[in-house]
Amino acid sequence: MSTQKFMGRNQLLDRLAAQVGSKESAIKILQDRGHLKADGKTYTAEGMKRNMMTAEERAKDRASKKTGIPTTQLTYNPKTNTARKR
């Protein structure tokens, strides 16, 4: 999977571009989410926060918000990019 090489910090845009197929689509998605400003290059405060997370941290954060389970009690699966309760 091409997204496996973009697992670290400061790779939010690259990882999303690999997932959706183009950088332009990724920029549009991040702008719609409020993570990128209108210029398509500058992260918002929330976007910078997400960009500073690894793929694992973002998956755990998503799962924690959805389930209410603390991130420390979640296990990450890199093949599915999801987190589950231990």
Protein backbone atom coordinates (compact mmCIF):
# COMPACT_ATOMS: atom_id res chain seq x y z
CA MET A 1 0.00 0.00 0.00
CA SER A 2 1.45 3.37 -1.00
CA THR A 3 0.23 5.07 2.18
CA GLN A 4 2.51 2.92 4.35
CA LYS A 5 5.47 5.16 3.52
CA PHE A 6 3.67 8.24 4.92
CA MET A 7 3.15 7.15 8.52
CA GLY A 8 5.17 9.75 10.40
CA ARG A 9 4.73 13.27 11.62
CA ASN A 10 4.34 16.18 9.16
CA GLN A 11 2.98 13.87 6.46
CA LEU A 12 -0.76 14.56 6.71
CA LEU A 13 -1.09 15.97 3.19
CA ASP A 14 1.17 13.34 1.58
CA ARG A 15 -0.66 10.47 3.28
CA LEU A 16 -4.09 11.76 2.33
CA ALA A 17 -2.94 12.39 -1.26
CA ALA A 18 -1.74 8.78 -1.47
CA GLN A 19 -5.08 7.59 -0.10
CA VAL A 20 -7.33 9.62 -2.43
CA GLY A 21 -5.10 9.57 -5.51
CA SER A 22 -4.13 13.22 -6.02
CA LYS A 23 -2.68 16.13 -4.11
CA GLU A 24 -5.42 18.47 -5.37
CA SER A 25 -8.16 16.23 -3.95
CA ALA A 26 -6.30 15.98 -0.65
CA ILE A 27 -5.97 19.77 -0.43
CA LYS A 28 -9.70 20.20 -1.07
CA ILE A 29 -10.57 17.64 1.64
CA LEU A 30 -8.27 19.30 4.18
CA GLN A 31 -9.71 22.73 3.34
CA ASP A 32 -13.26 21.38 3.79
CA ARG A 33 -12.26 19.92 7.18
CA GLY A 34 -10.75 23.24 8.22
CA HIS A 35 -7.20 21.92 8.38
CA LEU A 36 -5.81 23.99 5.49
CA LYS A 37 -6.35 27.66 4.72
CA ALA A 38 -7.72 28.85 1.36
CA ASP A 39 -4.21 29.17 -0.13
CA GLY A 40 -3.87 25.37 0.06
CA LYS A 41 -0.43 25.58 1.67
CA THR A 42 -0.88 26.93 5.18
CA TYR A 43 -2.24 24.76 7.97
CA THR A 44 -4.77 26.14 10.41
CA ALA A 45 -4.11 25.67 14.14
CA GLU A 46 -6.18 22.47 14.12
CA GLY A 47 -4.49 21.32 10.91
CA MET A 48 -1.03 21.88 12.39
CA LYS A 49 -2.06 19.86 15.43
CA ARG A 50 -3.19 16.96 13.18
CA ASN A 51 -0.10 17.27 10.98
CA MET A 52 2.15 16.92 14.03
CA MET A 53 0.54 13.52 14.79
CA THR A 54 1.60 10.20 13.29
CA ALA A 55 -0.93 8.07 11.42
CA GLU A 56 -1.25 5.92 14.55
CA GLU A 57 -1.94 8.92 16.77
CA ARG A 58 -4.59 10.24 14.37
CA ALA A 59 -6.32 6.84 14.19
CA LYS A 60 -6.33 6.54 17.98
CA ASP A 61 -7.62 10.11 18.28
CA ARG A 62 -10.48 9.39 15.85
CA ALA A 63 -11.42 6.19 17.67
CA SER A 64 -11.21 7.88 21.06
CA LYS A 65 -13.52 10.70 19.97
CA LYS A 66 -15.99 8.21 18.49
CA THR A 67 -16.07 5.74 21.40
CA GLY A 68 -15.03 7.81 24.41
CA ILE A 69 -12.27 5.29 25.21
CA PRO A 70 -8.92 6.86 26.22
CA THR A 71 -6.23 6.63 23.54
CA THR A 72 -4.00 4.70 25.95
CA GLN A 73 -6.49 1.81 25.86
CA LEU A 74 -6.50 1.55 22.06
CA THR A 75 -4.38 -0.59 19.76
CA TYR A 76 -3.49 0.53 16.24
CA ASN A 77 -3.67 -1.64 13.12
CA PRO A 78 -1.49 -0.07 10.38
CA LYS A 79 -2.95 -2.27 7.63
CA THR A 80 -6.46 -0.90 8.16
CA ASN A 81 -5.44 2.45 9.70
CA THR A 82 -7.86 1.88 12.55
CA ALA A 83 -7.66 1.65 16.33
CA ARG A 84 -9.57 -0.71 18.60
CA LYS A 85 -9.90 -1.36 22.29
CA ARG A 86 -7.18 -3.67 23.59
